[in-house]
Amino acid sequence: MLSIRGIYEVAIRVRDLPKAEHFYRNVLGLEVGLRDERRGWVFLRAGCGMIVLQEDTSQWPTQHFAFTVTESDIESAAATLQAQGIPIEGPVLHDWIPAKSLYFPDPDGHDVELCAQLK
């Protein structure tokens, strides 16, 4: 059996790379690690891992993914997102984890979650 310790990288398809990059950098605060102009990809640092925005103008289903945050970040993120006109759902309490989450769409309609594990 393998001993998986986490996720290192997730690829996210986007239709408009500059628009998506603006969202992930300026709204979520991620930093560019590497830009691959040839492929239309931008690698962004997300804590100990990365996301890769991959420009793809074909049809594809939207995805769901979650970023880990602290519990105090949930409320401030809700206010920040709402101030920018981004619709949110939550905070939602997940007793079974236990965690508190906030949900919102990215510019391509992907379901983004900020998740704070509760102790």
Protein backbone atom coordinates (compact mmCIF):
# COMPACT_ATOMS: atom_id res chain seq x y z
CA MET A 1 0.00 0.00 0.00
CA LEU A 2 1.20 3.52 -0.78
CA SER A 3 1.44 6.14 1.95
CA ILE A 4 -0.11 9.26 0.41
CA ARG A 5 0.68 12.35 2.48
CA GLY A 6 -1.25 14.99 0.59
CA ILE A 7 -1.77 16.58 -2.79
CA TYR A 8 1.15 18.32 -4.42
CA GLU A 9 -0.47 19.71 -7.57
CA VAL A 10 -3.91 20.05 -9.13
CA ALA A 11 -4.54 21.12 -12.74
CA ILE A 12 -7.51 23.41 -13.38
CA ARG A 13 -8.79 24.02 -16.90
CA VAL A 14 -9.70 27.64 -17.63
CA ARG A 15 -11.05 29.36 -20.73
CA ASP A 16 -9.35 32.74 -20.26
CA LEU A 17 -5.94 32.41 -18.61
CA PRO A 18 -5.39 36.12 -17.78
CA LYS A 19 -8.87 36.37 -16.20
CA ALA A 20 -8.36 33.18 -14.17
CA GLU A 21 -4.86 34.22 -13.12
CA HIS A 22 -6.19 37.58 -11.94
CA PHE A 23 -8.80 35.82 -9.79
CA TYR A 24 -6.41 33.31 -8.23
CA ARG A 25 -3.68 35.89 -7.63
CA ASN A 26 -5.65 38.98 -6.64
CA VAL A 27 -8.70 37.45 -4.96
CA LEU A 28 -7.16 34.33 -3.39
CA GLY A 29 -3.62 35.68 -3.00
CA LEU A 30 -1.71 32.87 -4.71
CA GLU A 31 1.76 33.57 -6.12
CA VAL A 32 3.15 32.61 -9.51
CA GLY A 33 5.74 29.86 -9.37
CA LEU A 34 6.25 29.37 -13.11
CA ARG A 35 4.66 30.66 -16.29
CA ASP A 36 4.71 28.36 -19.35
CA GLU A 37 3.66 30.61 -22.23
CA ARG A 38 4.16 27.86 -24.81
CA ARG A 39 1.49 25.65 -23.26
CA GLY A 40 -0.70 28.42 -21.83
CA TRP A 41 -0.13 27.28 -18.25
CA VAL A 42 0.53 29.18 -15.02
CA PHE A 43 1.73 27.33 -11.91
CA LEU A 44 0.57 29.04 -8.70
CA ARG A 45 1.79 28.27 -5.20
CA ALA A 46 -0.97 27.23 -2.82
CA GLY A 47 0.51 26.54 0.61
CA CYS A 48 2.72 23.44 0.33
CA GLY A 49 1.24 22.50 -3.03
CA MET A 50 0.39 24.08 -6.37
CA ILE A 51 -2.41 24.60 -8.79
CA VAL A 52 -1.79 24.78 -12.51
CA LEU A 53 -4.13 26.97 -14.52
CA GLN A 54 -4.30 25.40 -17.98
CA GLU A 55 -5.95 27.41 -20.74
CA ASP A 56 -8.31 25.18 -22.72
CA THR A 57 -11.12 26.65 -24.83
CA SER A 58 -12.80 23.29 -25.53
CA GLN A 59 -15.81 22.04 -23.56
CA TRP A 60 -15.13 20.43 -20.18
CA PRO A 61 -17.03 19.90 -16.93
CA THR A 62 -16.47 22.19 -13.99
CA GLN A 63 -14.62 20.84 -10.98
CA HIS A 64 -14.67 21.17 -7.22
CA PHE A 65 -11.55 21.75 -5.15
CA ALA A 66 -10.79 23.08 -1.69
CA PHE A 67 -8.02 25.14 -0.15
CA THR A 68 -7.07 24.78 3.51
CA VAL A 69 -7.39 27.93 5.60
CA THR A 70 -7.66 28.79 9.29
CA GLU A 71 -11.03 29.22 10.93
CA SER A 72 -10.43 32.96 11.37
CA ASP A 73 -9.84 33.24 7.61
CA ILE A 74 -13.35 31.98 6.83
CA GLU A 75 -15.17 35.11 8.08
CA SER A 76 -12.70 37.56 6.57
CA ALA A 77 -12.77 35.68 3.25
CA ALA A 78 -16.57 35.84 3.21
CA ALA A 79 -16.50 39.63 3.65
CA THR A 80 -13.74 40.06 1.04
CA LEU A 81 -15.49 37.90 -1.57
CA GLN A 82 -18.87 39.59 -1.02
CA ALA A 83 -17.27 43.05 -1.29
CA GLN A 84 -15.95 42.01 -4.71
CA GLY A 85 -19.39 40.84 -5.83
CA ILE A 86 -18.56 37.15 -5.68
CA PRO A 87 -21.52 35.09 -4.47
CA ILE A 88 -20.76 32.84 -1.51
CA GLU A 89 -22.42 29.94 0.26
CA GLY A 90 -21.68 29.56 3.92
CA PRO A 91 -19.97 29.34 6.21
CA VAL A 92 -21.13 25.74 6.36
CA LEU A 93 -20.33 23.54 9.36
CA HIS A 94 -19.34 19.92 8.59
CA ASP A 95 -19.72 18.01 11.86
CA TRP A 96 -18.38 14.78 10.35
CA ILE A 97 -14.93 16.24 9.52
CA PRO A 98 -15.18 18.52 11.70
CA ALA A 99 -14.63 21.64 9.58
CA LYS A 100 -16.12 24.93 8.50
CA SER A 101 -16.26 25.79 4.79
CA LEU A 102 -17.04 28.65 2.47
CA TYR A 103 -18.02 27.98 -1.16
CA PHE A 104 -17.88 30.28 -4.20
CA PRO A 105 -17.37 30.08 -7.98
CA ASP A 106 -14.22 31.00 -9.86
CA PRO A 107 -14.51 32.84 -13.21
CA ASP A 108 -14.98 29.53 -15.07
CA GLY A 109 -17.70 28.22 -12.76
CA HIS A 110 -15.51 25.81 -10.81
CA ASP A 111 -16.75 25.26 -7.27
CA VAL A 112 -14.03 26.60 -4.97
CA GLU A 113 -14.05 25.83 -1.26
CA LEU A 114 -12.09 27.33 1.60
CA CYS A 115 -12.01 24.73 4.37
CA ALA A 116 -10.90 25.18 7.96
CA GLN A 117 -10.56 22.05 10.03
CA LEU A 118 -11.88 22.47 13.55
CA LYS A 119 -10.17 20.92 16.53
